Amino acid sequence: DEAVSVLLPQTPQKVRQLLQLTFVKPIK
């Protein structure tokens, strides 16, 4: 369920969390 909340983000905060999780150097 936590994976779903990150991989299918519904808020800008969750999108930023997804970027942190998937990129070594995410867009700041």
mmCIF file of all heavy atoms, coordinates in Angstrom:
data_MODEL
# 
_entry.id   MODEL 
# 
loop_
_atom_site.group_PDB 
_atom_site.id 
_atom_site.type_symbol 
_atom_site.label_atom_id 
_atom_site.label_alt_id 
_atom_site.label_comp_id 
_atom_site.label_asym_id 
_atom_site.label_entity_id 
_atom_site.label_seq_id 
_atom_site.pdbx_PDB_ins_code 
_atom_site.Cartn_x 
_atom_site.Cartn_y 
_atom_site.Cartn_z 
_atom_site.occupancy 
_atom_site.B_iso_or_equiv 
_atom_site.pdbx_formal_charge 
_atom_site.auth_seq_id 
_atom_site.auth_comp_id 
_atom_site.auth_asym_id 
_atom_site.auth_atom_id 
_atom_site.pdbx_PDB_model_num 
ATOM 1   N N   . ASP A 1 1  ? 0.826  -1.212 0.000   1.00 0.00 ? 1  ASP A N   1 
ATOM 2   C CA  . ASP A 1 1  ? 0.000  0.000  0.000   1.00 0.00 ? 1  ASP A CA  1 
ATOM 3   C C   . ASP A 1 1  ? 0.857  1.257  0.000   1.00 0.00 ? 1  ASP A C   1 
ATOM 4   O O   . ASP A 1 1  ? 0.527  2.251  -0.669  1.00 0.00 ? 1  ASP A O   1 
ATOM 5   C CB  . ASP A 1 1  ? -0.937 0.001  1.208   1.00 0.00 ? 1  ASP A CB  1 
ATOM 6   C CG  . ASP A 1 1  ? -2.091 -0.978 1.048   1.00 0.00 ? 1  ASP A CG  1 
ATOM 7   O OD1 . ASP A 1 1  ? -2.364 -1.388 -0.100  1.00 0.00 ? 1  ASP A OD1 1 
ATOM 8   O OD2 . ASP A 1 1  ? -2.709 -1.347 2.064   1.00 0.00 ? 1  ASP A OD2 1 
ATOM 9   N N   . GLU A 1 2  ? 1.965  1.235  0.745   1.00 0.00 ? 2  GLU A N   1 
ATOM 10  C CA  . GLU A 1 2  ? 2.868  2.386  0.739   1.00 0.00 ? 2  GLU A CA  1 
ATOM 11  C C   . GLU A 1 2  ? 3.526  2.539  -0.629  1.00 0.00 ? 2  GLU A C   1 
ATOM 12  O O   . GLU A 1 2  ? 3.711  3.663  -1.121  1.00 0.00 ? 2  GLU A O   1 
ATOM 13  C CB  . GLU A 1 2  ? 3.933  2.237  1.820   1.00 0.00 ? 2  GLU A CB  1 
ATOM 14  C CG  . GLU A 1 2  ? 4.828  3.463  1.951   1.00 0.00 ? 2  GLU A CG  1 
ATOM 15  C CD  . GLU A 1 2  ? 5.902  3.311  3.021   1.00 0.00 ? 2  GLU A CD  1 
ATOM 16  O OE1 . GLU A 1 2  ? 5.845  2.332  3.803   1.00 0.00 ? 2  GLU A OE1 1 
ATOM 17  O OE2 . GLU A 1 2  ? 6.809  4.172  3.064   1.00 0.00 ? 2  GLU A OE2 1 
ATOM 18  N N   . ALA A 1 3  ? 3.865  1.412  -1.254  1.00 0.00 ? 3  ALA A N   1 
ATOM 19  C CA  . ALA A 1 3  ? 4.433  1.465  -2.604  1.00 0.00 ? 3  ALA A CA  1 
ATOM 20  C C   . ALA A 1 3  ? 3.449  2.100  -3.575  1.00 0.00 ? 3  ALA A C   1 
ATOM 21  O O   . ALA A 1 3  ? 3.828  2.927  -4.415  1.00 0.00 ? 3  ALA A O   1 
ATOM 22  C CB  . ALA A 1 3  ? 4.809  0.065  -3.068  1.00 0.00 ? 3  ALA A CB  1 
ATOM 23  N N   . VAL A 1 4  ? 2.179  1.739  -3.459  1.00 0.00 ? 4  VAL A N   1 
ATOM 24  C CA  . VAL A 1 4  ? 1.146  2.306  -4.322  1.00 0.00 ? 4  VAL A CA  1 
ATOM 25  C C   . VAL A 1 4  ? 1.063  3.815  -4.140  1.00 0.00 ? 4  VAL A C   1 
ATOM 26  O O   . VAL A 1 4  ? 0.958  4.572  -5.113  1.00 0.00 ? 4  VAL A O   1 
ATOM 27  C CB  . VAL A 1 4  ? -0.221 1.645  -4.034  1.00 0.00 ? 4  VAL A CB  1 
ATOM 28  C CG1 . VAL A 1 4  ? -1.349 2.444  -4.687  1.00 0.00 ? 4  VAL A CG1 1 
ATOM 29  C CG2 . VAL A 1 4  ? -0.232 0.206  -4.519  1.00 0.00 ? 4  VAL A CG2 1 
ATOM 30  N N   . SER A 1 5  ? 1.127  4.284  -2.895  1.00 0.00 ? 5  SER A N   1 
ATOM 31  C CA  . SER A 1 5  ? 0.993  5.718  -2.626  1.00 0.00 ? 5  SER A CA  1 
ATOM 32  C C   . SER A 1 5  ? 2.127  6.526  -3.246  1.00 0.00 ? 5  SER A C   1 
ATOM 33  O O   . SER A 1 5  ? 1.944  7.701  -3.579  1.00 0.00 ? 5  SER A O   1 
ATOM 34  C CB  . SER A 1 5  ? 0.945  5.969  -1.112  1.00 0.00 ? 5  SER A CB  1 
ATOM 35  O OG  . SER A 1 5  ? 2.222  5.778  -0.518  1.00 0.00 ? 5  SER A OG  1 
ATOM 36  N N   . VAL A 1 6  ? 3.297  5.887  -3.438  1.00 0.00 ? 6  VAL A N   1 
ATOM 37  C CA  . VAL A 1 6  ? 4.439  6.579  -4.040  1.00 0.00 ? 6  VAL A CA  1 
ATOM 38  C C   . VAL A 1 6  ? 4.438  6.420  -5.561  1.00 0.00 ? 6  VAL A C   1 
ATOM 39  O O   . VAL A 1 6  ? 4.647  7.375  -6.306  1.00 0.00 ? 6  VAL A O   1 
ATOM 40  C CB  . VAL A 1 6  ? 5.759  6.056  -3.452  1.00 0.00 ? 6  VAL A CB  1 
ATOM 41  C CG1 . VAL A 1 6  ? 6.956  6.727  -4.137  1.00 0.00 ? 6  VAL A CG1 1 
ATOM 42  C CG2 . VAL A 1 6  ? 5.814  6.304  -1.953  1.00 0.00 ? 6  VAL A CG2 1 
ATOM 43  N N   . LEU A 1 7  ? 4.201  5.194  -6.025  1.00 0.00 ? 7  LEU A N   1 
ATOM 44  C CA  . LEU A 1 7  ? 4.260  4.919  -7.458  1.00 0.00 ? 7  LEU A CA  1 
ATOM 45  C C   . LEU A 1 7  ? 3.072  5.503  -8.220  1.00 0.00 ? 7  LEU A C   1 
ATOM 46  O O   . LEU A 1 7  ? 3.165  5.766  -9.420  1.00 0.00 ? 7  LEU A O   1 
ATOM 47  C CB  . LEU A 1 7  ? 4.336  3.413  -7.698  1.00 0.00 ? 7  LEU A CB  1 
ATOM 48  C CG  . LEU A 1 7  ? 5.598  2.718  -7.171  1.00 0.00 ? 7  LEU A CG  1 
ATOM 49  C CD1 . LEU A 1 7  ? 5.496  1.212  -7.353  1.00 0.00 ? 7  LEU A CD1 1 
ATOM 50  C CD2 . LEU A 1 7  ? 6.844  3.254  -7.865  1.00 0.00 ? 7  LEU A CD2 1 
ATOM 51  N N   . LEU A 1 8  ? 1.970  5.704  -7.517  1.00 0.00 ? 8  LEU A N   1 
ATOM 52  C CA  . LEU A 1 8  ? 0.788  6.335  -8.121  1.00 0.00 ? 8  LEU A CA  1 
ATOM 53  C C   . LEU A 1 8  ? 0.462  7.595  -7.329  1.00 0.00 ? 8  LEU A C   1 
ATOM 54  O O   . LEU A 1 8  ? -0.570 7.689  -6.665  1.00 0.00 ? 8  LEU A O   1 
ATOM 55  C CB  . LEU A 1 8  ? -0.402 5.365  -8.104  1.00 0.00 ? 8  LEU A CB  1 
ATOM 56  C CG  . LEU A 1 8  ? -0.188 4.000  -8.772  1.00 0.00 ? 8  LEU A CG  1 
ATOM 57  C CD1 . LEU A 1 8  ? -1.416 3.129  -8.588  1.00 0.00 ? 8  LEU A CD1 1 
ATOM 58  C CD2 . LEU A 1 8  ? 0.154  4.165  -10.243 1.00 0.00 ? 8  LEU A CD2 1 
ATOM 59  N N   . PRO A 1 9  ? 1.319  8.607  -7.391  1.00 0.00 ? 9  PRO A N   1 
ATOM 60  C CA  . PRO A 1 9  ? 1.196  9.774  -6.504  1.00 0.00 ? 9  PRO A CA  1 
ATOM 61  C C   . PRO A 1 9  ? -0.064 10.579 -6.776  1.00 0.00 ? 9  PRO A C   1 
ATOM 62  O O   . PRO A 1 9  ? -0.473 10.764 -7.920  1.00 0.00 ? 9  PRO A O   1 
ATOM 63  C CB  . PRO A 1 9  ? 2.453  10.587 -6.830  1.00 0.00 ? 9  PRO A CB  1 
ATOM 64  C CG  . PRO A 1 9  ? 2.796  10.208 -8.237  1.00 0.00 ? 9  PRO A CG  1 
ATOM 65  C CD  . PRO A 1 9  ? 2.442  8.752  -8.344  1.00 0.00 ? 9  PRO A CD  1 
ATOM 66  N N   . GLN A 1 10 ? -0.650 11.081 -5.696  1.00 0.00 ? 10 GLN A N   1 
ATOM 67  C CA  . GLN A 1 10 ? -1.858 11.884 -5.805  1.00 0.00 ? 10 GLN A CA  1 
ATOM 68  C C   . GLN A 1 10 ? -1.666 13.297 -5.258  1.00 0.00 ? 10 GLN A C   1 
ATOM 69  O O   . GLN A 1 10 ? -2.608 14.102 -5.276  1.00 0.00 ? 10 GLN A O   1 
ATOM 70  C CB  . GLN A 1 10 ? -3.016 11.197 -5.070  1.00 0.00 ? 10 GLN A CB  1 
ATOM 71  C CG  . GLN A 1 10 ? -3.379 9.830  -5.639  1.00 0.00 ? 10 GLN A CG  1 
ATOM 72  C CD  . GLN A 1 10 ? -3.840 9.907  -7.084  1.00 0.00 ? 10 GLN A CD  1 
ATOM 73  O OE1 . GLN A 1 10 ? -4.885 10.500 -7.385  1.00 0.00 ? 10 GLN A OE1 1 
ATOM 74  N NE2 . GLN A 1 10 ? -3.079 9.302  -7.992  1.00 0.00 ? 10 GLN A NE2 1 
ATOM 75  N N   . THR A 1 11 ? -0.465 13.601 -4.769  1.00 0.00 ? 11 THR A N   1 
ATOM 76  C CA  . THR A 1 11 ? -0.152 14.942 -4.283  1.00 0.00 ? 11 THR A CA  1 
ATOM 77  C C   . THR A 1 11 ? 1.240  15.333 -4.781  1.00 0.00 ? 11 THR A C   1 
ATOM 78  O O   . THR A 1 11 ? 2.076  14.460 -5.055  1.00 0.00 ? 11 THR A O   1 
ATOM 79  C CB  . THR A 1 11 ? -0.151 15.005 -2.745  1.00 0.00 ? 11 THR A CB  1 
ATOM 80  O OG1 . THR A 1 11 ? 0.939  14.196 -2.238  1.00 0.00 ? 11 THR A OG1 1 
ATOM 81  C CG2 . THR A 1 11 ? -1.468 14.497 -2.165  1.00 0.00 ? 11 THR A CG2 1 
ATOM 82  N N   . PRO A 1 12 ? 1.519  16.638 -4.903  1.00 0.00 ? 12 PRO A N   1 
ATOM 83  C CA  . PRO A 1 12 ? 2.868  17.064 -5.291  1.00 0.00 ? 12 PRO A CA  1 
ATOM 84  C C   . PRO A 1 12 ? 3.949  16.511 -4.365  1.00 0.00 ? 12 PRO A C   1 
ATOM 85  O O   . PRO A 1 12 ? 5.049  16.173 -4.830  1.00 0.00 ? 12 PRO A O   1 
ATOM 86  C CB  . PRO A 1 12 ? 2.780  18.599 -5.215  1.00 0.00 ? 12 PRO A CB  1 
ATOM 87  C CG  . PRO A 1 12 ? 1.349  18.897 -5.508  1.00 0.00 ? 12 PRO A CG  1 
ATOM 88  C CD  . PRO A 1 12 ? 0.580  17.790 -4.836  1.00 0.00 ? 12 PRO A CD  1 
ATOM 89  N N   . GLN A 1 13 ? 3.661  16.425 -3.087  1.00 0.00 ? 13 GLN A N   1 
ATOM 90  C CA  . GLN A 1 13 ? 4.638  15.873 -2.148  1.00 0.00 ? 13 GLN A CA  1 
ATOM 91  C C   . GLN A 1 13 ? 5.000  14.440 -2.506  1.00 0.00 ? 13 GLN A C   1 
ATOM 92  O O   . GLN A 1 13 ? 6.167  14.048 -2.447  1.00 0.00 ? 13 GLN A O   1 
ATOM 93  C CB  . GLN A 1 13 ? 4.084  15.924 -0.720  1.00 0.00 ? 13 GLN A CB  1 
ATOM 94  C CG  . GLN A 1 13 ? 5.044  15.361 0.327   1.00 0.00 ? 13 GLN A CG  1 
ATOM 95  C CD  . GLN A 1 13 ? 4.436  15.352 1.722   1.00 0.00 ? 13 GLN A CD  1 
ATOM 96  O OE1 . GLN A 1 13 ? 3.293  15.765 1.917   1.00 0.00 ? 13 GLN A OE1 1 
ATOM 97  N NE2 . GLN A 1 13 ? 5.202  14.878 2.696   1.00 0.00 ? 13 GLN A NE2 1 
ATOM 98  N N   . LYS A 1 14 ? 4.004  13.651 -2.907  1.00 0.00 ? 14 LYS A N   1 
ATOM 99  C CA  . LYS A 1 14 ? 4.265  12.257 -3.273  1.00 0.00 ? 14 LYS A CA  1 
ATOM 100 C C   . LYS A 1 14 ? 5.033  12.169 -4.594  1.00 0.00 ? 14 LYS A C   1 
ATOM 101 O O   . LYS A 1 14 ? 5.866  11.274 -4.779  1.00 0.00 ? 14 LYS A O   1 
ATOM 102 C CB  . LYS A 1 14 ? 2.955  11.479 -3.370  1.00 0.00 ? 14 LYS A CB  1 
ATOM 103 C CG  . LYS A 1 14 ? 2.334  11.141 -2.024  1.00 0.00 ? 14 LYS A CG  1 
ATOM 104 C CD  . LYS A 1 14 ? 3.224  10.193 -1.219  1.00 0.00 ? 14 LYS A CD  1 
ATOM 105 C CE  . LYS A 1 14 ? 2.599  9.795  0.095   1.00 0.00 ? 14 LYS A CE  1 
ATOM 106 N NZ  . LYS A 1 14 ? 3.479  8.885  0.881   1.00 0.00 ? 14 LYS A NZ  1 
ATOM 107 N N   . VAL A 1 15 ? 4.794  13.099 -5.522  1.00 0.00 ? 15 VAL A N   1 
ATOM 108 C CA  . VAL A 1 15 ? 5.571  13.113 -6.760  1.00 0.00 ? 15 VAL A CA  1 
ATOM 109 C C   . VAL A 1 15 ? 7.036  13.389 -6.444  1.00 0.00 ? 15 VAL A C   1 
ATOM 110 O O   . VAL A 1 15 ? 7.947  12.745 -6.991  1.00 0.00 ? 15 VAL A O   1 
ATOM 111 C CB  . VAL A 1 15 ? 5.033  14.150 -7.761  1.00 0.00 ? 15 VAL A CB  1 
ATOM 112 C CG1 . VAL A 1 15 ? 5.916  14.179 -9.010  1.00 0.00 ? 15 VAL A CG1 1 
ATOM 113 C CG2 . VAL A 1 15 ? 3.593  13.840 -8.139  1.00 0.00 ? 15 VAL A CG2 1 
ATOM 114 N N   . ARG A 1 16 ? 7.276  14.339 -5.549  1.00 0.00 ? 16 ARG A N   1 
ATOM 115 C CA  . ARG A 1 16 ? 8.659  14.644 -5.165  1.00 0.00 ? 16 ARG A CA  1 
ATOM 116 C C   . ARG A 1 16 ? 9.307  13.446 -4.480  1.00 0.00 ? 16 ARG A C   1 
ATOM 117 O O   . ARG A 1 16 ? 10.495 13.160 -4.683  1.00 0.00 ? 16 ARG A O   1 
ATOM 118 C CB  . ARG A 1 16 ? 8.688  15.876 -4.252  1.00 0.00 ? 16 ARG A CB  1 
ATOM 119 C CG  . ARG A 1 16 ? 8.290  17.168 -4.970  1.00 0.00 ? 16 ARG A CG  1 
ATOM 120 C CD  . ARG A 1 16 ? 8.478  18.398 -4.096  1.00 0.00 ? 16 ARG A CD  1 
ATOM 121 N NE  . ARG A 1 16 ? 8.181  19.619 -4.834  1.00 0.00 ? 16 ARG A NE  1 
ATOM 122 C CZ  . ARG A 1 16 ? 7.045  20.279 -4.771  1.00 0.00 ? 16 ARG A CZ  1 
ATOM 123 N NH1 . ARG A 1 16 ? 6.064  19.849 -3.958  1.00 0.00 ? 16 ARG A NH1 1 
ATOM 124 N NH2 . ARG A 1 16 ? 6.852  21.380 -5.485  1.00 0.00 ? 16 ARG A NH2 1 
ATOM 125 N N   . GLN A 1 17 ? 8.536  12.731 -3.673  1.00 0.00 ? 17 GLN A N   1 
ATOM 126 C CA  . GLN A 1 17 ? 9.053  11.512 -3.035  1.00 0.00 ? 17 GLN A CA  1 
ATOM 127 C C   . GLN A 1 17 ? 9.395  10.459 -4.090  1.00 0.00 ? 17 GLN A C   1 
ATOM 128 O O   . GLN A 1 17 ? 10.417 9.771  -3.985  1.00 0.00 ? 17 GLN A O   1 
ATOM 129 C CB  . GLN A 1 17 ? 8.022  10.960 -2.055  1.00 0.00 ? 17 GLN A CB  1 
ATOM 130 C CG  . GLN A 1 17 ? 8.527  9.767  -1.245  1.00 0.00 ? 17 GLN A CG  1 
ATOM 131 C CD  . GLN A 1 17 ? 7.480  9.282  -0.244  1.00 0.00 ? 17 GLN A CD  1 
ATOM 132 O OE1 . GLN A 1 17 ? 6.473  9.939  0.024   1.00 0.00 ? 17 GLN A OE1 1 
ATOM 133 N NE2 . GLN A 1 17 ? 7.717  8.106  0.318   1.00 0.00 ? 17 GLN A NE2 1 
ATOM 134 N N   . LEU A 1 18 ? 8.554  10.368 -5.131  1.00 0.00 ? 18 LEU A N   1 
ATOM 135 C CA  . LEU A 1 18 ? 8.828  9.429  -6.215  1.00 0.00 ? 18 LEU A CA  1 
ATOM 136 C C   . LEU A 1 18 ? 10.111 9.792  -6.952  1.00 0.00 ? 18 LEU A C   1 
ATOM 137 O O   . LEU A 1 18 ? 10.925 8.920  -7.280  1.00 0.00 ? 18 LEU A O   1 
ATOM 138 C CB  . LEU A 1 18 ? 7.646  9.419  -7.192  1.00 0.00 ? 18 LEU A CB  1 
ATOM 139 C CG  . LEU A 1 18 ? 7.788  8.530  -8.435  1.00 0.00 ? 18 LEU A CG  1 
ATOM 140 C CD1 . LEU A 1 18 ? 7.946  7.068  -8.049  1.00 0.00 ? 18 LEU A CD1 1 
ATOM 141 C CD2 . LEU A 1 18 ? 6.576  8.714  -9.353  1.00 0.00 ? 18 LEU A CD2 1 
ATOM 142 N N   . LEU A 1 19 ? 10.321 11.079 -7.199  1.00 0.00 ? 19 LEU A N   1 
ATOM 143 C CA  . LEU A 1 19 ? 11.550 11.519 -7.855  1.00 0.00 ? 19 LEU A CA  1 
ATOM 144 C C   . LEU A 1 19 ? 12.777 11.198 -7.015  1.00 0.00 ? 19 LEU A C   1 
ATOM 145 O O   . LEU A 1 19 ? 13.814 10.772 -7.533  1.00 0.00 ? 19 LEU A O   1 
ATOM 146 C CB  . LEU A 1 19 ? 11.485 13.018 -8.143  1.00 0.00 ? 19 LEU A CB  1 
ATOM 147 C CG  . LEU A 1 19 ? 10.436 13.471 -9.172  1.00 0.00 ? 19 LEU A CG  1 
ATOM 148 C CD1 . LEU A 1 19 ? 10.387 14.993 -9.245  1.00 0.00 ? 19 LEU A CD1 1 
ATOM 149 C CD2 . LEU A 1 19 ? 10.734 12.882 -10.541 1.00 0.00 ? 19 LEU A CD2 1 
ATOM 150 N N   . GLN A 1 20 ? 12.684 11.386 -5.706  1.00 0.00 ? 20 GLN A N   1 
ATOM 151 C CA  . GLN A 1 20 ? 13.785 11.051 -4.804  1.00 0.00 ? 20 GLN A CA  1 
ATOM 152 C C   . GLN A 1 20 ? 14.090 9.558  -4.829  1.00 0.00 ? 20 GLN A C   1 
ATOM 153 O O   . GLN A 1 20 ? 15.239 9.140  -4.706  1.00 0.00 ? 20 GLN A O   1 
ATOM 154 C CB  . GLN A 1 20 ? 13.439 11.477 -3.373  1.00 0.00 ? 20 GLN A CB  1 
ATOM 155 C CG  . GLN A 1 20 ? 13.365 12.977 -3.148  1.00 0.00 ? 20 GLN A CG  1 
ATOM 156 C CD  . GLN A 1 20 ? 14.736 13.639 -3.158  1.00 0.00 ? 20 GLN A CD  1 
ATOM 157 O OE1 . GLN A 1 20 ? 15.750 13.001 -2.891  1.00 0.00 ? 20 GLN A OE1 1 
ATOM 158 N NE2 . GLN A 1 20 ? 14.765 14.933 -3.458  1.00 0.00 ? 20 GLN A NE2 1 
ATOM 159 N N   . LEU A 1 21 ? 13.061 8.766  -5.019  1.00 0.00 ? 21 LEU A N   1 
ATOM 160 C CA  . LEU A 1 21 ? 13.216 7.313  -4.991  1.00 0.00 ? 21 LEU A CA  1 
ATOM 161 C C   . LEU A 1 21 ? 13.793 6.766  -6.293  1.00 0.00 ? 21 LEU A C   1 
ATOM 162 O O   . LEU A 1 21 ? 14.499 5.757  -6.283  1.00 0.00 ? 21 LEU A O   1 
ATOM 163 C CB  . LEU A 1 21 ? 11.852 6.665  -4.720  1.00 0.00 ? 21 LEU A CB  1 
ATOM 164 C CG  . LEU A 1 21 ? 11.823 5.169  -4.379  1.00 0.00 ? 21 LEU A CG  1 
ATOM 165 C CD1 . LEU A 1 21 ? 12.494 4.906  -3.041  1.00 0.00 ? 21 LEU A CD1 1 
ATOM 166 C CD2 . LEU A 1 21 ? 10.380 4.663  -4.366  1.00 0.00 ? 21 LEU A CD2 1 
ATOM 167 N N   . THR A 1 22 ? 13.529 7.431  -7.406  1.00 0.00 ? 22 THR A N   1 
ATOM 168 C CA  . THR A 1 22 ? 13.870 6.862  -8.709  1.00 0.00 ? 22 THR A CA  1 
ATOM 169 C C   . THR A 1 22 ? 15.090 7.488  -9.379  1.00 0.00 ? 22 THR A C   1 
ATOM 170 O O   . THR A 1 22 ? 15.615 6.914  -10.330 1.00 0.00 ? 22 THR A O   1 
ATOM 171 C CB  . THR A 1 22 ? 12.670 6.974  -9.672  1.00 0.00 ? 22 THR A CB  1 
ATOM 172 O OG1 . THR A 1 22 ? 12.208 8.328  -9.713  1.00 0.00 ? 22 THR A OG1 1 
ATOM 173 C CG2 . THR A 1 22 ? 11.529 6.077  -9.206  1.00 0.00 ? 22 THR A CG2 1 
ATOM 174 N N   . PHE A 1 23 ? 15.548 8.653  -8.886  1.00 0.00 ? 23 PHE A N   1 
ATOM 175 C CA  . PHE A 1 23 ? 16.710 9.319  -9.469  1.00 0.00 ? 23 PHE A CA  1 
ATOM 176 C C   . PHE A 1 23 ? 17.829 9.445  -8.451  1.00 0.00 ? 23 PHE A C   1 
ATOM 177 O O   . PHE A 1 23 ? 17.576 9.711  -7.273  1.00 0.00 ? 23 PHE A O   1 
ATOM 178 C CB  . PHE A 1 23 ? 16.343 10.729 -9.952  1.00 0.00 ? 23 PHE A CB  1 
ATOM 179 C CG  . PHE A 1 23 ? 15.490 10.761 -11.183 1.00 0.00 ? 23 PHE A CG  1 
ATOM 180 C CD1 . PHE A 1 23 ? 14.112 10.610 -11.095 1.00 0.00 ? 23 PHE A CD1 1 
ATOM 181 C CD2 . PHE A 1 23 ? 16.059 10.945 -12.425 1.00 0.00 ? 23 PHE A CD2 1 
ATOM 182 C CE1 . PHE A 1 23 ? 13.317 10.642 -12.222 1.00 0.00 ? 23 PHE A CE1 1 
ATOM 183 C CE2 . PHE A 1 23 ? 15.275 10.986 -13.574 1.00 0.00 ? 23 PHE A CE2 1 
ATOM 184 C CZ  . PHE A 1 23 ? 13.896 10.827 -13.469 1.00 0.00 ? 23 PHE A CZ  1 
ATOM 185 N N   . VAL A 1 24 ? 19.073 9.296  -8.909  1.00 0.00 ? 24 VAL A N   1 
ATOM 186 C CA  . VAL A 1 24 ? 20.216 9.582  -8.053  1.00 0.00 ? 24 VAL A CA  1 
ATOM 187 C C   . VAL A 1 24 ? 20.319 11.079 -7.820  1.00 0.00 ? 24 VAL A C   1 
ATOM 188 O O   . VAL A 1 24 ? 20.597 11.539 -6.709  1.00 0.00 ? 24 VAL A O   1 
ATOM 189 C CB  . VAL A 1 24 ? 21.518 9.034  -8.681  1.00 0.00 ? 24 VAL A CB  1 
ATOM 190 C CG1 . VAL A 1 24 ? 22.744 9.533  -7.910  1.00 0.00 ? 24 VAL A CG1 1 
ATOM 191 C CG2 . VAL A 1 24 ? 21.496 7.506  -8.692  1.00 0.00 ? 24 VAL A CG2 1 
ATOM 192 N N   . LYS A 1 25 ? 20.085 11.856 -8.887  1.00 0.00 ? 25 LYS A N   1 
ATOM 193 C CA  . LYS A 1 25 ? 20.116 13.316 -8.786  1.00 0.00 ? 25 LYS A CA  1 
ATOM 194 C C   . LYS A 1 25 ? 18.786 13.879 -9.293  1.00 0.00 ? 25 LYS A C   1 
ATOM 195 O O   . LYS A 1 25 ? 18.683 14.335 -10.437 1.00 0.00 ? 25 LYS A O   1 
ATOM 196 C CB  . LYS A 1 25 ? 21.281 13.886 -9.598  1.00 0.00 ? 25 LYS A CB  1 
ATOM 197 C CG  . LYS A 1 25 ? 22.646 13.491 -9.070  1.00 0.00 ? 25 LYS A CG  1 
ATOM 198 C CD  . LYS A 1 25 ? 23.756 14.103 -9.913  1.00 0.00 ? 25 LYS A CD  1 
ATOM 199 C CE  . LYS A 1 25 ? 25.130 13.731 -9.365  1.00 0.00 ? 25 LYS A CE  1 
ATOM 200 N NZ  . LYS A 1 25 ? 26.228 14.317 -10.181 1.00 0.00 ? 25 LYS A NZ  1 
ATOM 201 N N   . PRO A 1 26 ? 17.763 13.847 -8.467  1.00 0.00 ? 26 PRO A N   1 
ATOM 202 C CA  . PRO A 1 26 ? 16.457 14.356 -8.902  1.00 0.00 ? 26 PRO A CA  1 
ATOM 203 C C   . PRO A 1 26 ? 16.484 15.862 -9.098  1.00 0.00 ? 26 PRO A C   1 
ATOM 204 O O   . PRO A 1 26 ? 17.305 16.573 -8.513  1.00 0.00 ? 26 PRO A O   1 
ATOM 205 C CB  . PRO A 1 26 ? 15.526 13.966 -7.747  1.00 0.00 ? 26 PRO A CB  1 
ATOM 206 C CG  . PRO A 1 26 ? 16.430 13.863 -6.558  1.00 0.00 ? 26 PRO A CG  1 
ATOM 207 C CD  . PRO A 1 26 ? 17.736 13.358 -7.083  1.00 0.00 ? 26 PRO A CD  1 
ATOM 208 N N   . ILE A 1 27 ? 15.599 16.342 -9.946  1.00 0.00 ? 27 ILE A N   1 
ATOM 209 C CA  . ILE A 1 27 ? 15.457 17.785 -10.139 1.00 0.00 ? 27 ILE A CA  1 
ATOM 210 C C   . ILE A 1 27 ? 15.103 18.421 -8.796  1.00 0.00 ? 27 ILE A C   1 
ATOM 211 O O   . ILE A 1 27 ? 14.183 17.974 -8.109  1.00 0.00 ? 27 ILE A O   1 
ATOM 212 C CB  . ILE A 1 27 ? 14.367 18.083 -11.178 1.00 0.00 ? 27 ILE A CB  1 
ATOM 213 C CG1 . ILE A 1 27 ? 14.736 17.428 -12.516 1.00 0.00 ? 27 ILE A CG1 1 
ATOM 214 C CG2 . ILE A 1 27 ? 14.185 19.587 -11.352 1.00 0.00 ? 27 ILE A CG2 1 
ATOM 215 C CD1 . ILE A 1 27 ? 13.639 17.537 -13.558 1.00 0.00 ? 27 ILE A CD1 1 
ATOM 216 N N   . LYS A 1 28 ? 15.842 19.450 -8.424  1.00 0.00 ? 28 LYS A N   1 
ATOM 217 C CA  . LYS A 1 28 ? 15.663 20.023 -7.088  1.00 0.00 ? 28 LYS A CA  1 
ATOM 218 C C   . LYS A 1 28 ? 14.395 20.866 -6.975  1.00 0.00 ? 28 LYS A C   1 
ATOM 219 O O   . LYS A 1 28 ? 13.770 20.915 -5.923  1.00 0.00 ? 28 LYS A O   1 
ATOM 220 C CB  . LYS A 1 28 ? 16.893 20.861 -6.719  1.00 0.00 ? 28 LYS A CB  1 
ATOM 221 C CG  . LYS A 1 28 ? 18.146 20.019 -6.496  1.00 0.00 ? 28 LYS A CG  1 
ATOM 222 C CD  . LYS A 1 28 ? 19.306 20.876 -6.026  1.00 0.00 ? 28 LYS A CD  1 
ATOM 223 C CE  . LYS A 1 28 ? 20.540 20.018 -5.740  1.00 0.00 ? 28 LYS A CE  1 
ATOM 224 N NZ  . LYS A 1 28 ? 21.682 20.834 -5.274  1.00 0.00 ? 28 LYS A NZ  1 
# 
